[in-house]
């Protein structure tokens, strides 16, 4: 069964967006280099350093599907029915959209819990990776012990407040990670990979 990996771009103080859901300079590094590349199966192009390109292409090469929450789905309109990585998207929501224009044709499945979504995604992905979105869904998956890895694309900016990367809420005990298994420096971003011990 494929690994469940939480990916996101995050500020130094742990936010994926500001209070208005704007990402500010978090994604500037996608356009500040001289190497052009695209996510596997994606149509958009990025320009980064060679180090960032190699890291991102390696990380996303084996993604089979994505697990995301309803908030991200609504903010992006479900990427207009086209997964940004992998072949399928599992959306965690208690109320699937009734009037989404891509319903019935897009490779999206609506599931009512994080556990059920990750189970379905791992079954779909087989031995490929499951990309678990950061924020509420990733935070719940971390608390439940369902993540195998956390990939942090750390950008040197401080927001002060906003949408937290983990969004776990209060914890009875801290969740400790080992030292990163990978560290890659790009321009205006540092890529870190943490393995998560299953609880």
C-alpha atoms as a PDB file:
ATOM      1  CA  UNK A   1       0.000   0.000   0.000  1.00  0.00           C
ATOM      2  CA  UNK A   2       1.309   3.461  -0.914  1.00  0.00           C
ATOM      3  CA  UNK A   3       2.629   5.956   1.579  1.00  0.00           C
ATOM      4  CA  UNK A   4       0.464   8.850   2.751  1.00  0.00           C
ATOM      5  CA  UNK A   5       2.557  12.011   2.407  1.00  0.00           C
ATOM      6  CA  UNK A   6       1.542  15.500   3.517  1.00  0.00           C
ATOM      7  CA  UNK A   7       2.969  18.134   1.158  1.00  0.00           C
ATOM      8  CA  UNK A   8       2.743  21.924   1.436  1.00  0.00           C
ATOM      9  CA  UNK A   9       4.552  25.216   1.075  1.00  0.00           C
ATOM     10  CA  UNK A  10       4.824  26.966   4.440  1.00  0.00           C
ATOM     11  CA  UNK A  11       6.107  30.180   6.016  1.00  0.00           C
ATOM     12  CA  UNK A  12       8.767  30.212   8.740  1.00  0.00           C
ATOM     13  CA  UNK A  13       6.016  30.674  11.326  1.00  0.00           C
ATOM     14  CA  UNK A  14       3.989  27.720  10.062  1.00  0.00           C
ATOM     15  CA  UNK A  15       1.311  29.175   7.784  1.00  0.00           C
ATOM     16  CA  UNK A  16       0.200  28.083   4.283  1.00  0.00           C
ATOM     17  CA  UNK A  17      -1.727  31.299   3.612  1.00  0.00           C
ATOM     18  CA  UNK A  18      -2.584  34.523   5.400  1.00  0.00           C
ATOM     19  CA  UNK A  19      -5.897  35.336   7.100  1.00  0.00           C
ATOM     20  CA  UNK A  20      -7.442  36.199   3.713  1.00  0.00           C
ATOM     21  CA  UNK A  21      -6.379  32.855   2.182  1.00  0.00           C
ATOM     22  CA  UNK A  22      -3.754  34.650   0.109  1.00  0.00           C
ATOM     23  CA  UNK A  23      -0.343  33.022  -0.312  1.00  0.00           C
ATOM     24  CA  UNK A  24       1.680  36.223  -0.745  1.00  0.00           C
ATOM     25  CA  UNK A  25       5.329  35.375  -1.537  1.00  0.00           C
ATOM     26  CA  UNK A  26       5.016  31.671  -0.625  1.00  0.00           C
ATOM     27  CA  UNK A  27       5.031  30.542  -4.262  1.00  0.00           C
ATOM     28  CA  UNK A  28       7.512  33.068  -5.683  1.00  0.00           C
ATOM     29  CA  UNK A  29      10.212  30.376  -5.808  1.00  0.00           C
ATOM     30  CA  UNK A  30       8.163  28.586  -8.507  1.00  0.00           C
ATOM     31  CA  UNK A  31       9.149  31.366 -10.907  1.00  0.00           C
ATOM     32  CA  UNK A  32      12.586  32.624  -9.839  1.00  0.00           C
ATOM     33  CA  UNK A  33      14.950  30.105 -11.442  1.00  0.00           C
ATOM     34  CA  UNK A  34      16.323  29.173 -14.836  1.00  0.00           C
ATOM     35  CA  UNK A  35      15.106  25.554 -15.039  1.00  0.00           C
ATOM     36  CA  UNK A  36      11.661  25.042 -16.600  1.00  0.00           C
ATOM     37  CA  UNK A  37       9.614  22.013 -15.549  1.00  0.00           C
ATOM     38  CA  UNK A  38       6.032  20.795 -15.043  1.00  0.00           C
ATOM     39  CA  UNK A  39       4.438  18.474 -12.524  1.00  0.00           C
ATOM     40  CA  UNK A  40       3.966  14.984 -13.995  1.00  0.00           C
ATOM     41  CA  UNK A  41       0.693  15.095 -15.924  1.00  0.00           C
ATOM     42  CA  UNK A  42       0.339  18.828 -15.265  1.00  0.00           C
ATOM     43  CA  UNK A  43      -0.023  21.555 -17.853  1.00  0.00           C
ATOM     44  CA  UNK A  44       1.469  24.569 -16.042  1.00  0.00           C
ATOM     45  CA  UNK A  45       5.161  25.357 -16.066  1.00  0.00           C
ATOM     46  CA  UNK A  46       7.425  26.336 -13.180  1.00  0.00           C
ATOM     47  CA  UNK A  47      10.878  27.928 -13.287  1.00  0.00           C
ATOM     48  CA  UNK A  48      13.087  27.118 -10.309  1.00  0.00           C
ATOM     49  CA  UNK A  49      16.668  26.267  -9.504  1.00  0.00           C
ATOM     50  CA  UNK A  50      17.876  22.855 -10.649  1.00  0.00           C
ATOM     51  CA  UNK A  51      17.887  21.675  -7.026  1.00  0.00           C
ATOM     52  CA  UNK A  52      14.199  22.566  -6.527  1.00  0.00           C
ATOM     53  CA  UNK A  53      13.216  21.101  -9.907  1.00  0.00           C
ATOM     54  CA  UNK A  54      14.958  17.812  -9.127  1.00  0.00           C
ATOM     55  CA  UNK A  55      13.410  17.658  -5.670  1.00  0.00           C
ATOM     56  CA  UNK A  56       9.853  18.430  -6.790  1.00  0.00           C
ATOM     57  CA  UNK A  57       9.927  16.098  -9.785  1.00  0.00           C
ATOM     58  CA  UNK A  58      11.275  13.287  -7.623  1.00  0.00           C
ATOM     59  CA  UNK A  59       8.694  13.904  -4.895  1.00  0.00           C
ATOM     60  CA  UNK A  60       5.682  14.089  -7.232  1.00  0.00           C
ATOM     61  CA  UNK A  61       6.748  11.438  -9.740  1.00  0.00           C
ATOM     62  CA  UNK A  62       4.927   8.623  -7.923  1.00  0.00           C
ATOM     63  CA  UNK A  63       1.789  10.433  -6.678  1.00  0.00           C
ATOM     64  CA  UNK A  64      -1.285   8.373  -7.540  1.00  0.00           C
ATOM     65  CA  UNK A  65      -3.970  10.581  -6.019  1.00  0.00           C
ATOM     66  CA  UNK A  66      -4.727  13.444  -3.650  1.00  0.00           C
ATOM     67  CA  UNK A  67      -6.746  13.751  -0.438  1.00  0.00           C
ATOM     68  CA  UNK A  68      -8.026  17.279   0.188  1.00  0.00           C
ATOM     69  CA  UNK A  69     -10.653  19.015   2.310  1.00  0.00           C
ATOM     70  CA  UNK A  70     -13.789  20.859   1.310  1.00  0.00           C
ATOM     71  CA  UNK A  71     -12.240  24.257   2.056  1.00  0.00           C
ATOM     72  CA  UNK A  72      -9.434  23.782  -0.493  1.00  0.00           C
ATOM     73  CA  UNK A  73     -11.929  22.267  -2.925  1.00  0.00           C
ATOM     74  CA  UNK A  74     -14.116  25.378  -2.673  1.00  0.00           C
ATOM     75  CA  UNK A  75     -11.175  27.818  -2.897  1.00  0.00           C
ATOM     76  CA  UNK A  76      -9.895  26.181  -6.099  1.00  0.00           C
ATOM     77  CA  UNK A  77     -13.236  25.021  -7.539  1.00  0.00           C
ATOM     78  CA  UNK A  78     -11.731  21.545  -7.416  1.00  0.00           C
ATOM     79  CA  UNK A  79      -9.034  22.713  -9.853  1.00  0.00           C
ATOM     80  CA  UNK A  80     -11.849  22.778 -12.431  1.00  0.00           C
ATOM     81  CA  UNK A  81     -12.090  18.998 -12.297  1.00  0.00           C
ATOM     82  CA  UNK A  82      -8.436  18.287 -13.136  1.00  0.00           C
ATOM     83  CA  UNK A  83      -6.146  16.833 -10.407  1.00  0.00           C
ATOM     84  CA  UNK A  84      -2.939  18.854 -10.019  1.00  0.00           C
ATOM     85  CA  UNK A  85      -1.046  15.614  -9.280  1.00  0.00           C
ATOM     86  CA  UNK A  86      -1.979  11.988  -9.767  1.00  0.00           C
ATOM     87  CA  UNK A  87      -5.119  10.700 -11.401  1.00  0.00           C
ATOM     88  CA  UNK A  88      -7.848  11.040  -8.780  1.00  0.00           C
ATOM     89  CA  UNK A  89      -8.901  13.303  -5.903  1.00  0.00           C
ATOM     90  CA  UNK A  90     -10.683  12.271  -2.709  1.00  0.00           C
ATOM     91  CA  UNK A  91     -12.451  15.205  -1.026  1.00  0.00           C
ATOM     92  CA  UNK A  92     -13.291  14.990   2.677  1.00  0.00           C
ATOM     93  CA  UNK A  93     -16.681  16.570   3.275  1.00  0.00           C
ATOM     94  CA  UNK A  94     -19.958  15.837   5.022  1.00  0.00           C
ATOM     95  CA  UNK A  95     -21.823  17.632   2.243  1.00  0.00           C
ATOM     96  CA  UNK A  96     -20.720  17.011  -1.360  1.00  0.00           C
ATOM     97  CA  UNK A  97     -21.409  19.947  -3.684  1.00  0.00           C
ATOM     98  CA  UNK A  98     -24.830  19.694  -5.301  1.00  0.00           C
ATOM     99  CA  UNK A  99     -24.183  21.919  -8.314  1.00  0.00           C
ATOM    100  CA  UNK A 100     -20.482  21.515  -9.204  1.00  0.00           C
ATOM    101  CA  UNK A 101     -20.223  21.824 -12.985  1.00  0.00           C
ATOM    102  CA  UNK A 102     -17.679  18.985 -13.196  1.00  0.00           C
ATOM    103  CA  UNK A 103     -19.664  16.469 -11.124  1.00  0.00           C
ATOM    104  CA  UNK A 104     -20.025  13.122 -12.869  1.00  0.00           C
ATOM    105  CA  UNK A 105     -17.142  13.734 -15.275  1.00  0.00           C
ATOM    106  CA  UNK A 106     -14.179  14.711 -13.059  1.00  0.00           C
ATOM    107  CA  UNK A 107     -12.133  12.001 -11.271  1.00  0.00           C
ATOM    108  CA  UNK A 108     -13.248  13.243  -7.838  1.00  0.00           C
ATOM    109  CA  UNK A 109     -14.798  11.184  -5.034  1.00  0.00           C
ATOM    110  CA  UNK A 110     -16.428  12.775  -1.977  1.00  0.00           C
ATOM    111  CA  UNK A 111     -15.828  10.939   1.311  1.00  0.00           C
ATOM    112  CA  UNK A 112     -17.136  11.784   4.795  1.00  0.00           C
ATOM    113  CA  UNK A 113     -14.022  11.225   6.948  1.00  0.00           C
ATOM    114  CA  UNK A 114     -10.246  11.547   6.807  1.00  0.00           C
ATOM    115  CA  UNK A 115      -9.779   7.863   7.625  1.00  0.00           C
ATOM    116  CA  UNK A 116     -12.171   6.736   4.872  1.00  0.00           C
ATOM    117  CA  UNK A 117     -10.577   9.115   2.360  1.00  0.00           C
ATOM    118  CA  UNK A 118      -7.028   7.922   3.048  1.00  0.00           C
ATOM    119  CA  UNK A 119      -8.127   4.261   2.986  1.00  0.00           C
ATOM    120  CA  UNK A 120      -9.846   4.777  -0.378  1.00  0.00           C
ATOM    121  CA  UNK A 121      -6.912   6.784  -1.718  1.00  0.00           C
ATOM    122  CA  UNK A 122      -4.373   4.128  -0.694  1.00  0.00           C
ATOM    123  CA  UNK A 123      -6.469   1.428  -2.309  1.00  0.00           C
ATOM    124  CA  UNK A 124      -6.662   3.509  -5.503  1.00  0.00           C
ATOM    125  CA  UNK A 125      -2.953   4.391  -5.472  1.00  0.00           C
ATOM    126  CA  UNK A 126      -1.682   0.856  -4.889  1.00  0.00           C
ATOM    127  CA  UNK A 127       2.085   1.147  -4.388  1.00  0.00           C
ATOM    128  CA  UNK A 128       2.145   4.810  -5.447  1.00  0.00           C
ATOM    129  CA  UNK A 129       1.982   7.801  -3.087  1.00  0.00           C
ATOM    130  CA  UNK A 130      -1.088   9.500  -1.656  1.00  0.00           C
ATOM    131  CA  UNK A 131      -0.695  13.298  -1.474  1.00  0.00           C
ATOM    132  CA  UNK A 132      -2.484  14.504   1.679  1.00  0.00           C
ATOM    133  CA  UNK A 133      -3.144  18.255   1.623  1.00  0.00           C
ATOM    134  CA  UNK A 134      -1.789  20.343   4.484  1.00  0.00           C
ATOM    135  CA  UNK A 135      -4.053  22.184   6.908  1.00  0.00           C
ATOM    136  CA  UNK A 136      -7.105  20.630   8.551  1.00  0.00           C
ATOM    137  CA  UNK A 137      -6.965  17.347   6.629  1.00  0.00           C
ATOM    138  CA  UNK A 138      -3.223  16.864   7.080  1.00  0.00           C
ATOM    139  CA  UNK A 139      -3.488  17.844  10.748  1.00  0.00           C
ATOM    140  CA  UNK A 140      -6.238  15.289  11.359  1.00  0.00           C
ATOM    141  CA  UNK A 141      -4.279  12.607   9.515  1.00  0.00           C
ATOM    142  CA  UNK A 142      -1.208  13.384  11.644  1.00  0.00           C
ATOM    143  CA  UNK A 143      -3.205  13.139  14.874  1.00  0.00           C
ATOM    144  CA  UNK A 144      -4.698   9.835  13.741  1.00  0.00           C
ATOM    145  CA  UNK A 145      -1.265   8.384  12.913  1.00  0.00           C
ATOM    146  CA  UNK A 146      -2.118   7.990   9.214  1.00  0.00           C
ATOM    147  CA  UNK A 147       0.857   9.844   7.695  1.00  0.00           C
ATOM    148  CA  UNK A 148       4.107   8.228   6.611  1.00  0.00           C
ATOM    149  CA  UNK A 149       5.969  11.406   5.634  1.00  0.00           C
ATOM    150  CA  UNK A 150       5.694  15.178   5.849  1.00  0.00           C
ATOM    151  CA  UNK A 151       7.298  17.249   3.086  1.00  0.00           C
ATOM    152  CA  UNK A 152       7.854  20.891   4.023  1.00  0.00           C
ATOM    153  CA  UNK A 153       8.748  23.479   1.380  1.00  0.00           C
ATOM    154  CA  UNK A 154       9.898  26.183   3.810  1.00  0.00           C
ATOM    155  CA  UNK A 155       9.905  29.792   2.574  1.00  0.00           C
ATOM    156  CA  UNK A 156      11.729  32.551   4.526  1.00  0.00           C
ATOM    157  CA  UNK A 157       8.729  34.780   5.244  1.00  0.00           C
ATOM    158  CA  UNK A 158       6.747  35.453   8.439  1.00  0.00           C
ATOM    159  CA  UNK A 159       2.972  36.001   8.216  1.00  0.00           C
ATOM    160  CA  UNK A 160       2.200  36.439  11.917  1.00  0.00           C
ATOM    161  CA  UNK A 161      -1.166  34.694  11.520  1.00  0.00           C
ATOM    162  CA  UNK A 162      -3.066  32.767   8.892  1.00  0.00           C
ATOM    163  CA  UNK A 163      -3.925  29.212   7.872  1.00  0.00           C
ATOM    164  CA  UNK A 164      -1.723  26.785   9.866  1.00  0.00           C
ATOM    165  CA  UNK A 165       0.249  24.088   8.093  1.00  0.00           C
ATOM    166  CA  UNK A 166      -0.718  21.351  10.554  1.00  0.00           C
ATOM    167  CA  UNK A 167      -3.950  22.758  12.054  1.00  0.00           C
ATOM    168  CA  UNK A 168      -3.971  20.010  14.676  1.00  0.00           C
ATOM    169  CA  UNK A 169      -5.432  22.091  17.477  1.00  0.00           C
ATOM    170  CA  UNK A 170      -4.241  21.446  21.012  1.00  0.00           C
ATOM    171  CA  UNK A 171      -2.322  18.190  21.527  1.00  0.00           C
ATOM    172  CA  UNK A 172      -2.072  16.163  24.731  1.00  0.00           C
ATOM    173  CA  UNK A 173       1.559  15.443  23.890  1.00  0.00           C
ATOM    174  CA  UNK A 174       3.837  16.869  21.204  1.00  0.00           C
ATOM    175  CA  UNK A 175       4.277  14.777  18.054  1.00  0.00           C
ATOM    176  CA  UNK A 176       8.016  14.381  17.598  1.00  0.00           C
ATOM    177  CA  UNK A 177       9.713  13.810  14.246  1.00  0.00           C
ATOM    178  CA  UNK A 178      13.237  12.546  13.685  1.00  0.00           C
ATOM    179  CA  UNK A 179      15.774  14.724  11.917  1.00  0.00           C
ATOM    180  CA  UNK A 180      14.849  15.321   8.266  1.00  0.00           C
ATOM    181  CA  UNK A 181      15.778  12.473   5.941  1.00  0.00           C
ATOM    182  CA  UNK A 182      16.340  15.017   3.145  1.00  0.00           C
ATOM    183  CA  UNK A 183      17.318  18.688   3.055  1.00  0.00           C
ATOM    184  CA  UNK A 184      17.521  20.490  -0.297  1.00  0.00           C
ATOM    185  CA  UNK A 185      18.226  24.208  -0.677  1.00  0.00           C
ATOM    186  CA  UNK A 186      16.615  26.103  -3.542  1.00  0.00           C
ATOM    187  CA  UNK A 187      16.348  29.852  -4.057  1.00  0.00           C
ATOM    188  CA  UNK A 188      13.988  31.342  -1.426  1.00  0.00           C
ATOM    189  CA  UNK A 189      12.915  27.836  -0.342  1.00  0.00           C
ATOM    190  CA  UNK A 190      14.332  24.921   1.634  1.00  0.00           C
ATOM    191  CA  UNK A 191      12.832  21.488   1.010  1.00  0.00           C
ATOM    192  CA  UNK A 192      12.641  19.139   4.015  1.00  0.00           C
ATOM    193  CA  UNK A 193      11.392  15.558   4.225  1.00  0.00           C
ATOM    194  CA  UNK A 194      10.419  14.095   7.602  1.00  0.00           C
ATOM    195  CA  UNK A 195       9.535  10.452   8.161  1.00  0.00           C
ATOM    196  CA  UNK A 196       6.674   9.969  10.621  1.00  0.00           C
ATOM    197  CA  UNK A 197       6.727   7.048  13.035  1.00  0.00           C
ATOM    198  CA  UNK A 198       3.322   5.334  12.936  1.00  0.00           C
ATOM    199  CA  UNK A 199       1.553   5.388  16.313  1.00  0.00           C
END
